[in-house]
Amino acid sequence: MSNFQLNSKFKIRNSKLIGNWKLATGNYGYTLIEVLVGLAIISLLFTVGYAGYRDFAKRQVLNNAYEELKINLNSARQRALSGDKDLCNGTFLGIQLAFGGLTDRAAYQFYPKCSGGEGLYSVSTLPSGITVDTTSARILFKPVGQGTDLTSDATVTVKSATGERKIYITKQGTIK
């Protein structure tokens, strides 16, 4: 047996010829530097990917809170337009939207407003880190196309650390 193959273009040190197969013997594997460089590259890719994912997740929380508020506003508007006066005694005046009031700026509630009192319709709490600022703390959606009780158009701003989204409510009750 030969330690290397003479006719080969590439010579393998410390090899043994067994039949037609050349087996390499000796220490094989990665050096410490190669392993460290590989780990550094993987760590860098993970860090960049995780930071991007974290920002994406925060934007999604803001977008979901914005969409939920917009859906709830449209639902309250529709209930007011239809004259739906569940839990209401007396004359139905509309659906009232109130921001804050319960705990902080991260909550809002809807309730039917009636001449005989008010009943609770819905309370929504926004996710952690999301707040709502508005030009009007209370908005009444009036029944049968009477619009709102706003004297001018209102802006509802849903905010987080990553940005903000705005909802516009006109005096006529249109939500944009």
N, C-alpha and C. Protein backbone atom coordinates (compact mmCIF):
# COMPACT_ATOMS: atom_id res chain seq x y z
N MET A 1 0.84 -1.19 0.00
CA MET A 1 0.00 0.00 0.00
C MET A 1 0.86 1.24 0.00
N SER A 2 0.32 2.25 -0.64
CA SER A 2 1.08 3.48 -0.81
C SER A 2 0.49 4.57 0.08
N ASN A 3 1.32 5.49 0.52
CA ASN A 3 0.84 6.61 1.31
C ASN A 3 0.26 7.72 0.45
N PHE A 4 0.53 7.71 -0.82
CA PHE A 4 -0.06 8.71 -1.72
C PHE A 4 -0.11 8.14 -3.12
N GLN A 5 -0.92 8.74 -3.95
CA GLN A 5 -1.10 8.27 -5.31
C GLN A 5 -0.23 9.11 -6.22
N LEU A 6 0.66 8.49 -6.97
CA LEU A 6 1.62 9.23 -7.79
C LEU A 6 0.99 9.84 -9.03
N ASN A 7 0.00 9.20 -9.63
CA ASN A 7 -0.58 9.68 -10.87
C ASN A 7 -1.66 10.75 -10.65
N SER A 8 -2.01 11.02 -9.41
CA SER A 8 -3.07 11.98 -9.12
C SER A 8 -2.56 13.41 -9.27
N LYS A 9 -3.45 14.27 -9.73
CA LYS A 9 -3.11 15.68 -9.83
C LYS A 9 -2.99 16.29 -8.43
N PHE A 10 -3.87 15.83 -7.52
CA PHE A 10 -3.85 16.31 -6.15
C PHE A 10 -3.40 15.19 -5.25
N LYS A 11 -2.48 15.47 -4.41
CA LYS A 11 -1.96 14.44 -3.53
C LYS A 11 -2.58 14.62 -2.15
N ILE A 12 -2.97 13.53 -1.56
CA ILE A 12 -3.55 13.55 -0.22
C ILE A 12 -2.51 12.98 0.73
N ARG A 13 -2.13 13.75 1.69
CA ARG A 13 -1.17 13.25 2.67
C ARG A 13 -1.83 12.27 3.61
N ASN A 14 -1.05 11.40 4.16
CA ASN A 14 -1.53 10.43 5.14
C ASN A 14 -2.75 9.66 4.63
N SER A 15 -2.68 9.17 3.43
CA SER A 15 -3.80 8.38 2.89
C SER A 15 -3.35 6.95 2.71
N LYS A 16 -4.33 6.06 2.69
CA LYS A 16 -4.06 4.64 2.48
C LYS A 16 -4.89 4.18 1.30
N LEU A 17 -4.31 3.35 0.47
CA LEU A 17 -5.01 2.81 -0.68
C LEU A 17 -5.54 1.43 -0.31
N ILE A 18 -6.84 1.28 -0.35
CA ILE A 18 -7.48 0.00 -0.05
C ILE A 18 -8.29 -0.38 -1.27
N GLY A 19 -7.86 -1.33 -2.01
CA GLY A 19 -8.52 -1.71 -3.26
C GLY A 19 -8.43 -0.54 -4.22
N ASN A 20 -9.57 -0.12 -4.79
CA ASN A 20 -9.61 1.03 -5.68
C ASN A 20 -9.93 2.34 -4.95
N TRP A 21 -10.10 2.27 -3.65
CA TRP A 21 -10.50 3.44 -2.87
C TRP A 21 -9.31 4.03 -2.14
N LYS A 22 -9.26 5.32 -2.13
CA LYS A 22 -8.22 6.00 -1.38
C LYS A 22 -8.88 6.59 -0.13
N LEU A 23 -8.46 6.18 1.01
CA LEU A 23 -9.01 6.67 2.26
C LEU A 23 -8.03 7.64 2.89
N ALA A 24 -8.53 8.80 3.27
CA ALA A 24 -7.68 9.78 3.93
C ALA A 24 -7.68 9.49 5.42
N THR A 25 -6.58 9.60 6.01
CA THR A 25 -6.46 9.41 7.45
C THR A 25 -5.86 10.66 8.05
N GLY A 26 -6.05 10.88 9.29
CA GLY A 26 -5.49 12.04 9.96
C GLY A 26 -6.60 12.87 10.60
N ASN A 27 -6.29 14.08 11.00
CA ASN A 27 -7.24 14.97 11.66
C ASN A 27 -8.03 15.76 10.62
N TYR A 28 -9.34 15.63 10.66
CA TYR A 28 -10.20 16.37 9.74
C TYR A 28 -11.28 17.07 10.55
N GLY A 29 -11.75 18.19 10.06
CA GLY A 29 -12.78 18.98 10.72
C GLY A 29 -12.51 20.44 10.48
N TYR A 30 -13.17 21.28 11.25
CA TYR A 30 -13.02 22.72 11.10
C TYR A 30 -12.07 23.25 12.15
N THR A 31 -11.35 24.27 11.79
CA THR A 31 -10.47 24.91 12.76
C THR A 31 -11.32 25.82 13.63
N LEU A 32 -10.76 26.25 14.73
CA LEU A 32 -11.47 27.13 15.65
C LEU A 32 -11.84 28.44 14.97
N ILE A 33 -10.96 28.97 14.15
CA ILE A 33 -11.24 30.23 13.43
C ILE A 33 -12.43 30.05 12.49
N GLU A 34 -12.49 28.95 11.77
CA GLU A 34 -13.61 28.70 10.85
C GLU A 34 -14.94 28.61 11.60
N VAL A 35 -14.93 27.95 12.74
CA VAL A 35 -16.14 27.84 13.55
C VAL A 35 -16.56 29.21 14.06
N LEU A 36 -15.61 30.01 14.55
CA LEU A 36 -15.93 31.34 15.06
C LEU A 36 -16.47 32.25 13.97
N VAL A 37 -15.88 32.20 12.78
CA VAL A 37 -16.37 33.02 11.67
C VAL A 37 -17.79 32.59 11.30
N GLY A 38 -18.04 31.30 11.26
CA GLY A 38 -19.39 30.80 10.96
C GLY A 38 -20.40 31.25 12.00
N LEU A 39 -20.05 31.16 13.29
CA LEU A 39 -20.94 31.62 14.35
C LEU A 39 -21.18 33.12 14.28
N ALA A 40 -20.14 33.87 13.94
CA ALA A 40 -20.30 35.32 13.82
C ALA A 40 -21.28 35.67 12.70
N ILE A 41 -21.18 35.00 11.58
CA ILE A 41 -22.08 35.26 10.45
C ILE A 41 -23.52 34.89 10.82
N ILE A 42 -23.70 33.74 11.44
CA ILE A 42 -25.04 33.31 11.86
C ILE A 42 -25.62 34.28 12.89
N SER A 43 -24.81 34.73 13.84
CA SER A 43 -25.27 35.69 14.85
C SER A 43 -25.69 37.01 14.21
N LEU A 44 -24.91 37.48 13.26
CA LEU A 44 -25.24 38.73 12.58
C LEU A 44 -26.56 38.60 11.82
N LEU A 45 -26.73 37.52 11.10
CA LEU A 45 -27.98 37.30 10.36
C LEU A 45 -29.17 37.20 11.31
N PHE A 46 -29.01 36.51 12.42
CA PHE A 46 -30.09 36.39 13.40
C PHE A 46 -30.45 37.74 14.00
N THR A 47 -29.45 38.54 14.35
CA THR A 47 -29.69 39.85 14.96
C THR A 47 -30.44 40.77 14.00
N VAL A 48 -30.00 40.83 12.77
CA VAL A 48 -30.68 41.68 11.78
C VAL A 48 -32.09 41.17 11.53
N GLY A 49 -32.25 39.88 11.40
CA GLY A 49 -33.58 39.30 11.17
C GLY A 49 -34.51 39.52 12.33
N TYR A 50 -34.02 39.36 13.55
CA TYR A 50 -34.86 39.54 14.73
C TYR A 50 -35.28 41.00 14.89
N ALA A 51 -34.37 41.93 14.65
CA ALA A 51 -34.71 43.35 14.76
C ALA A 51 -35.79 43.71 13.74
N GLY A 52 -35.67 43.20 12.54
CA GLY A 52 -36.69 43.46 11.52
C GLY A 52 -38.02 42.85 11.89
N TYR A 53 -38.00 41.64 12.44
CA TYR A 53 -39.24 40.99 12.86
C TYR A 53 -39.89 41.74 14.01
N ARG A 54 -39.09 42.20 14.97
CA ARG A 54 -39.64 42.94 16.12
C ARG A 54 -40.32 44.22 15.67
N ASP A 55 -39.71 44.96 14.75
CA ASP A 55 -40.33 46.17 14.22
C ASP A 55 -41.60 45.84 13.45
N PHE A 56 -41.57 44.77 12.68
CA PHE A 56 -42.76 44.33 11.95
C PHE A 56 -43.90 43.99 12.92
N ALA A 57 -43.57 43.27 13.99
CA ALA A 57 -44.59 42.88 14.96
C ALA A 57 -45.20 44.11 15.64
N LYS A 58 -44.38 45.10 15.96
CA LYS A 58 -44.90 46.33 16.58
C LYS A 58 -45.80 47.10 15.62
N ARG A 59 -45.42 47.15 14.34
CA ARG A 59 -46.27 47.81 13.34
C ARG A 59 -47.60 47.07 13.19
N GLN A 60 -47.55 45.74 13.27
CA GLN A 60 -48.78 44.96 13.14
C GLN A 60 -49.71 45.21 14.32
N VAL A 61 -49.18 45.36 15.53
CA VAL A 61 -50.00 45.66 16.70
C VAL A 61 -50.70 47.01 16.49
N LEU A 62 -49.96 48.01 16.01
CA LEU A 62 -50.56 49.32 15.72
C LEU A 62 -51.62 49.20 14.65
N ASN A 63 -51.33 48.52 13.56
CA ASN A 63 -52.30 48.37 12.47
C ASN A 63 -53.55 47.63 12.93
N ASN A 64 -53.38 46.59 13.74
CA ASN A 64 -54.54 45.84 14.24
C ASN A 64 -55.40 46.69 15.17
N ALA A 65 -54.77 47.48 16.05
CA ALA A 65 -55.54 48.37 16.93
C ALA A 65 -56.30 49.42 16.12
N TYR A 66 -55.64 49.96 15.10
CA TYR A 66 -56.27 50.94 14.21
C TYR A 66 -57.47 50.33 13.50
N GLU A 67 -57.29 49.14 12.92
CA GLU A 67 -58.37 48.48 12.19
C GLU A 67 -59.52 48.12 13.13
N GLU A 68 -59.21 47.64 14.33
CA GLU A 68 -60.27 47.29 15.29
C GLU A 68 -61.08 48.52 15.68
N LEU A 69 -60.40 49.63 15.95
CA LEU A 69 -61.11 50.87 16.30
C LEU A 69 -61.98 51.34 15.14
N LYS A 70 -61.46 51.27 13.94
CA LYS A 70 -62.22 51.70 12.78
C LYS A 70 -63.46 50.82 12.57
N ILE A 71 -63.30 49.51 12.76
CA ILE A 71 -64.45 48.59 12.65
C ILE A 71 -65.48 48.90 13.72
N ASN A 72 -65.02 49.14 14.96
CA ASN A 72 -65.95 49.46 16.05
C ASN A 72 -66.67 50.78 15.80
N LEU A 73 -65.97 51.77 15.25
CA LEU A 73 -66.61 53.04 14.92
C LEU A 73 -67.69 52.85 13.86
N ASN A 74 -67.38 52.08 12.83
CA ASN A 74 -68.38 51.82 11.79
C ASN A 74 -69.56 51.03 12.33
N SER A 75 -69.30 50.10 13.23
CA SER A 75 -70.38 49.32 13.84
C SER A 75 -71.29 50.22 14.67
N ALA A 76 -70.69 51.10 15.46
CA ALA A 76 -71.49 52.03 16.27
C ALA A 76 -72.29 52.96 15.37
N ARG A 77 -71.69 53.43 14.31
CA ARG A 77 -72.40 54.30 13.36
C ARG A 77 -73.59 53.56 12.75
N GLN A 78 -73.38 52.31 12.34
CA GLN A 78 -74.47 51.53 11.75
C GLN A 78 -75.59 51.26 12.74
N ARG A 79 -75.21 50.98 13.99
CA ARG A 79 -76.25 50.75 15.01
C ARG A 79 -77.05 52.02 15.25
N ALA A 80 -76.36 53.16 15.23
CA ALA A 80 -77.08 54.42 15.43
C ALA A 80 -77.99 54.70 14.23
N LEU A 81 -77.49 54.49 13.02
CA LEU A 81 -78.30 54.74 11.82
C LEU A 81 -79.54 53.86 11.78
N SER A 82 -79.41 52.63 12.25
CA SER A 82 -80.55 51.71 12.22
C SER A 82 -81.52 51.95 13.37
N GLY A 83 -81.16 52.80 14.30
CA GLY A 83 -82.04 53.07 15.44
C GLY A 83 -82.05 51.95 16.45
N ASP A 84 -81.00 51.12 16.46
CA ASP A 84 -80.88 49.98 17.38
C ASP A 84 -80.71 50.52 18.80
N LYS A 85 -81.72 50.31 19.65
CA LYS A 85 -81.66 50.87 20.99
C LYS A 85 -81.71 49.80 22.08
N ASP A 86 -80.90 48.76 21.90
CA ASP A 86 -80.81 47.73 22.94
C ASP A 86 -80.40 48.37 24.26
N LEU A 87 -80.94 47.87 25.34
CA LEU A 87 -80.63 48.36 26.69
C LEU A 87 -80.93 49.84 26.86
N CYS A 88 -81.93 50.32 26.16
CA CYS A 88 -82.23 51.75 26.19
C CYS A 88 -83.68 51.95 26.62
N ASN A 89 -83.89 52.85 27.57
CA ASN A 89 -85.24 53.22 27.99
C ASN A 89 -85.48 54.66 27.55
N GLY A 90 -86.62 54.93 26.98
CA GLY A 90 -86.92 56.27 26.53
C GLY A 90 -86.58 56.46 25.07
N THR A 91 -86.43 57.72 24.68
CA THR A 91 -86.15 58.07 23.29
C THR A 91 -84.67 57.80 22.98
N PHE A 92 -84.45 57.10 21.87
CA PHE A 92 -83.08 56.78 21.45
C PHE A 92 -82.45 58.01 20.82
N LEU A 93 -81.31 58.46 21.39
CA LEU A 93 -80.61 59.65 20.89
C LEU A 93 -79.40 59.30 20.04
N GLY A 94 -78.93 58.05 20.13
CA GLY A 94 -77.78 57.63 19.33
C GLY A 94 -76.84 56.74 20.10
N ILE A 95 -75.69 56.47 19.49
CA ILE A 95 -74.63 55.68 20.13
C ILE A 95 -73.49 56.62 20.48
N GLN A 96 -73.15 56.66 21.76
CA GLN A 96 -72.10 57.54 22.27
C GLN A 96 -70.77 56.80 22.30
N LEU A 97 -69.73 57.46 21.83
CA LEU A 97 -68.36 56.94 21.90
C LEU A 97 -67.61 57.83 22.90
N ALA A 98 -66.98 57.19 23.89
CA ALA A 98 -66.20 57.94 24.87
C ALA A 98 -64.80 57.34 24.97
N PHE A 99 -63.80 58.18 24.82
CA PHE A 99 -62.41 57.75 24.96
C PHE A 99 -61.96 57.98 26.38
N GLY A 100 -61.16 57.04 26.90
CA GLY A 100 -60.67 57.16 28.27
C GLY A 100 -61.83 57.00 29.24
N GLY A 101 -61.78 57.72 30.33
CA GLY A 101 -62.88 57.69 31.28
C GLY A 101 -62.86 56.48 32.21
N LEU A 102 -62.54 55.31 31.68
CA LEU A 102 -62.51 54.12 32.53
C LEU A 102 -61.19 54.01 33.27
N THR A 103 -60.12 53.95 32.52
CA THR A 103 -58.79 53.81 33.15
C THR A 103 -57.81 54.83 32.61
N ASP A 104 -57.66 54.89 31.29
CA ASP A 104 -56.68 55.79 30.69
C ASP A 104 -57.01 55.99 29.22
N ARG A 105 -56.05 56.55 28.47
CA ARG A 105 -56.26 56.80 27.05
C ARG A 105 -56.22 55.52 26.23
N ALA A 106 -55.98 54.39 26.84
CA ALA A 106 -55.87 53.14 26.11
C ALA A 106 -57.19 52.36 26.12
N ALA A 107 -58.30 53.05 26.40
CA ALA A 107 -59.60 52.37 26.41
C ALA A 107 -60.64 53.31 25.80
N TYR A 108 -61.67 52.71 25.24
CA TYR A 108 -62.82 53.47 24.75
C TYR A 108 -64.06 52.63 24.92
N GLN A 109 -65.21 53.29 24.99
CA GLN A 109 -66.46 52.58 25.21
C GLN A 109 -67.57 53.16 24.34
N PHE A 110 -68.49 52.29 23.99
CA PHE A 110 -69.68 52.68 23.25
C PHE A 110 -70.89 52.36 24.12
N TYR A 111 -71.86 53.24 24.09
CA TYR A 111 -73.10 52.94 24.81
C TYR A 111 -74.25 53.70 24.16
N PRO A 112 -75.46 53.12 24.23
CA PRO A 112 -76.61 53.83 23.68
C PRO A 112 -76.95 55.02 24.58
N LYS A 113 -77.21 56.13 23.98
CA LYS A 113 -77.59 57.33 24.72
C LYS A 113 -79.08 57.52 24.51
N CYS A 114 -79.81 57.61 25.63
CA CYS A 114 -81.26 57.69 25.58
C CYS A 114 -81.76 58.78 26.52
N SER A 115 -82.98 59.21 26.29
CA SER A 115 -83.56 60.23 27.18
C SER A 115 -83.80 59.65 28.57
N GLY A 116 -83.97 58.33 28.68
CA GLY A 116 -84.22 57.69 29.97
C GLY A 116 -82.97 57.13 30.63
N GLY A 117 -81.78 57.47 30.14
CA GLY A 117 -80.54 56.96 30.73
C GLY A 117 -79.65 56.34 29.68
N GLU A 118 -78.58 55.77 30.16
CA GLU A 118 -77.60 55.17 29.26
C GLU A 118 -77.36 53.71 29.64
N GLY A 119 -77.08 52.89 28.65
CA GLY A 119 -76.73 51.50 28.90
C GLY A 119 -75.38 51.21 28.28
N LEU A 120 -74.67 50.24 28.81
CA LEU A 120 -73.35 49.91 28.29
C LEU A 120 -73.47 49.01 27.08
N TYR A 121 -72.80 49.37 26.01
CA TYR A 121 -72.84 48.59 24.77
C TYR A 121 -71.54 47.82 24.58
N SER A 122 -70.41 48.49 24.67
CA SER A 122 -69.14 47.82 24.43
C SER A 122 -68.00 48.61 25.07
N VAL A 123 -67.06 47.90 25.67
CA VAL A 123 -65.84 48.50 26.20
C VAL A 123 -64.67 47.80 25.53
N SER A 124 -63.75 48.57 24.98
CA SER A 124 -62.57 48.00 24.32
C SER A 124 -61.31 48.60 24.94
N THR A 125 -60.37 47.72 25.22
CA THR A 125 -59.07 48.15 25.74
C THR A 125 -58.04 47.91 24.65
N LEU A 126 -57.23 48.90 24.41
CA LEU A 126 -56.19 48.79 23.39
C LEU A 126 -55.00 48.00 23.92
N PRO A 127 -54.24 47.39 23.03
CA PRO A 127 -53.06 46.63 23.48
C PRO A 127 -52.04 47.51 24.19
N SER A 128 -51.17 46.89 24.94
CA SER A 128 -50.13 47.60 25.66
C SER A 128 -49.26 48.40 24.69
N GLY A 129 -48.97 49.65 25.05
CA GLY A 129 -48.13 50.50 24.21
C GLY A 129 -48.90 51.28 23.17
N ILE A 130 -50.22 51.08 23.09
CA ILE A 130 -51.06 51.79 22.12
C ILE A 130 -51.93 52.79 22.88
N THR A 131 -51.96 54.02 22.42
CA THR A 131 -52.82 55.04 23.02
C THR A 131 -53.64 55.71 21.93
N VAL A 132 -54.69 56.41 22.36
CA VAL A 132 -55.56 57.13 21.44
C VAL A 132 -55.62 58.58 21.86
N ASP A 133 -55.36 59.46 20.92
CA ASP A 133 -55.56 60.90 21.13
C ASP A 133 -56.66 61.33 20.18
N THR A 134 -57.49 62.23 20.64
CA THR A 134 -58.60 62.66 19.81
C THR A 134 -58.89 64.13 20.03
N THR A 135 -59.48 64.75 19.02
CA THR A 135 -59.87 66.16 19.14
C THR A 135 -61.18 66.30 19.91
N SER A 136 -61.90 65.21 20.09
CA SER A 136 -63.16 65.22 20.83
C SER A 136 -63.23 63.97 21.71
N ALA A 137 -63.36 64.15 23.03
CA ALA A 137 -63.36 63.01 23.95
C ALA A 137 -64.64 62.18 23.84
N ARG A 138 -65.72 62.80 23.37
CA ARG A 138 -66.99 62.10 23.21
C ARG A 138 -67.59 62.44 21.84
N ILE A 139 -68.10 61.41 21.20
CA ILE A 139 -68.74 61.59 19.90
C ILE A 139 -70.06 60.83 19.94
N LEU A 140 -71.13 61.50 19.57
CA LEU A 140 -72.45 60.88 19.52
C LEU A 140 -72.84 60.67 18.07
N PHE A 141 -73.03 59.39 17.69
CA PHE A 141 -73.57 59.07 16.37
C PHE A 141 -75.09 59.08 16.49
N LYS A 142 -75.74 60.01 15.82
CA LYS A 142 -77.19 60.17 15.92
C LYS A 142 -77.91 59.20 14.99
N PRO A 143 -79.16 58.87 15.34
CA PRO A 143 -79.92 57.91 14.51
C PRO A 143 -80.42 58.51 13.19
N VAL A 144 -80.75 57.63 12.30
CA VAL A 144 -81.43 57.91 11.03
C VAL A 144 -80.78 59.05 10.25
N GLY A 145 -79.48 58.95 10.04
CA GLY A 145 -78.78 59.88 9.17
C GLY A 145 -78.67 61.31 9.66
N GLN A 146 -78.77 61.53 10.97
CA GLN A 146 -78.64 62.89 11.51
C GLN A 146 -77.18 63.29 11.77
N GLY A 147 -76.26 62.41 11.46
CA GLY A 147 -74.84 62.74 11.62
C GLY A 147 -74.34 62.52 13.03
N THR A 148 -73.54 63.47 13.49
CA THR A 148 -72.96 63.40 14.84
C THR A 148 -73.26 64.69 15.59
N ASP A 149 -72.83 64.74 16.84
CA ASP A 149 -72.96 65.97 17.62
C ASP A 149 -71.72 66.85 17.52
N LEU A 150 -70.82 66.53 16.60
CA LEU A 150 -69.58 67.30 16.45
C LEU A 150 -69.87 68.67 15.84
N THR A 151 -69.16 69.68 16.32
CA THR A 151 -69.27 71.01 15.71
C THR A 151 -68.30 71.16 14.54
N SER A 152 -67.25 70.35 14.53
CA SER A 152 -66.32 70.30 13.40
C SER A 152 -65.82 68.86 13.30
N ASP A 153 -65.19 68.54 12.19
CA ASP A 153 -64.68 67.18 11.99
C ASP A 153 -63.69 66.81 13.09
N ALA A 154 -63.71 65.55 13.48
CA ALA A 154 -62.82 65.06 14.55
C ALA A 154 -61.74 64.16 13.97
N THR A 155 -60.60 64.15 14.64
CA THR A 155 -59.49 63.26 14.28
C THR A 155 -59.18 62.37 15.47
N VAL A 156 -59.13 61.08 15.21
CA VAL A 156 -58.75 60.11 16.24
C VAL A 156 -57.40 59.54 15.81
N THR A 157 -56.38 59.70 16.65
CA THR A 157 -55.04 59.24 16.32
C THR A 157 -54.69 58.06 17.21
N VAL A 158 -54.38 56.94 16.57
CA VAL A 158 -53.93 55.74 17.28
C VAL A 158 -52.40 55.76 17.23
N LYS A 159 -51.76 55.77 18.42
CA LYS A 159 -50.31 55.95 18.49
C LYS A 159 -49.62 54.77 19.16
N SER A 160 -48.39 54.55 18.72
CA SER A 160 -47.48 53.61 19.40
C SER A 160 -46.07 54.16 19.24
N ALA A 161 -45.09 53.44 19.76
CA ALA A 161 -43.70 53.87 19.66
C ALA A 161 -43.21 53.84 18.21
N THR A 162 -43.83 53.04 17.36
CA THR A 162 -43.38 52.91 15.97
C THR A 162 -44.07 53.85 15.01
N GLY A 163 -45.11 54.55 15.43
CA GLY A 163 -45.79 55.46 14.52
C GLY A 163 -47.20 55.76 14.97
N GLU A 164 -47.98 56.26 14.04
CA GLU A 164 -49.37 56.60 14.34
C GLU A 164 -50.22 56.46 13.09
N ARG A 165 -51.51 56.26 13.30
CA ARG A 165 -52.49 56.18 12.21
C ARG A 165 -53.68 57.03 12.62
N LYS A 166 -54.28 57.71 11.66
CA LYS A 166 -55.37 58.63 11.95
C LYS A 166 -56.68 58.16 11.34
N ILE A 167 -57.75 58.40 12.07
CA ILE A 167 -59.11 58.15 11.60
C ILE A 167 -59.82 59.50 11.65
N TYR A 168 -60.50 59.85 10.58
CA TYR A 168 -61.22 61.12 10.50
C TYR A 168 -62.71 60.84 10.56
N ILE A 169 -63.42 61.60 11.41
CA ILE A 169 -64.86 61.48 11.55
C ILE A 169 -65.45 62.85 11.21
N THR A 170 -66.31 62.88 10.21
CA THR A 170 -66.91 64.14 9.79
C THR A 170 -68.15 64.46 10.65
N LYS A 171 -68.60 65.70 10.55
CA LYS A 171 -69.82 66.10 11.26
C LYS A 171 -71.02 65.26 10.82
N GLN A 172 -70.99 64.81 9.56
CA GLN A 172 -72.09 64.02 9.04
C GLN A 172 -72.01 62.56 9.49
N GLY A 173 -70.92 62.16 10.14
CA GLY A 173 -70.78 60.81 10.65
C GLY A 173 -69.97 59.88 9.77
N THR A 174 -69.42 60.40 8.68
CA THR A 174 -68.60 59.58 7.79
C THR A 174 -67.25 59.31 8.44
N ILE A 175 -66.81 58.05 8.36
CA ILE A 175 -65.55 57.65 8.96
C ILE A 175 -64.56 57.36 7.84
N LYS A 176 -63.42 58.06 7.87
CA LYS A 176 -62.41 57.90 6.82
C LYS A 176 -61.10 57.42 7.41
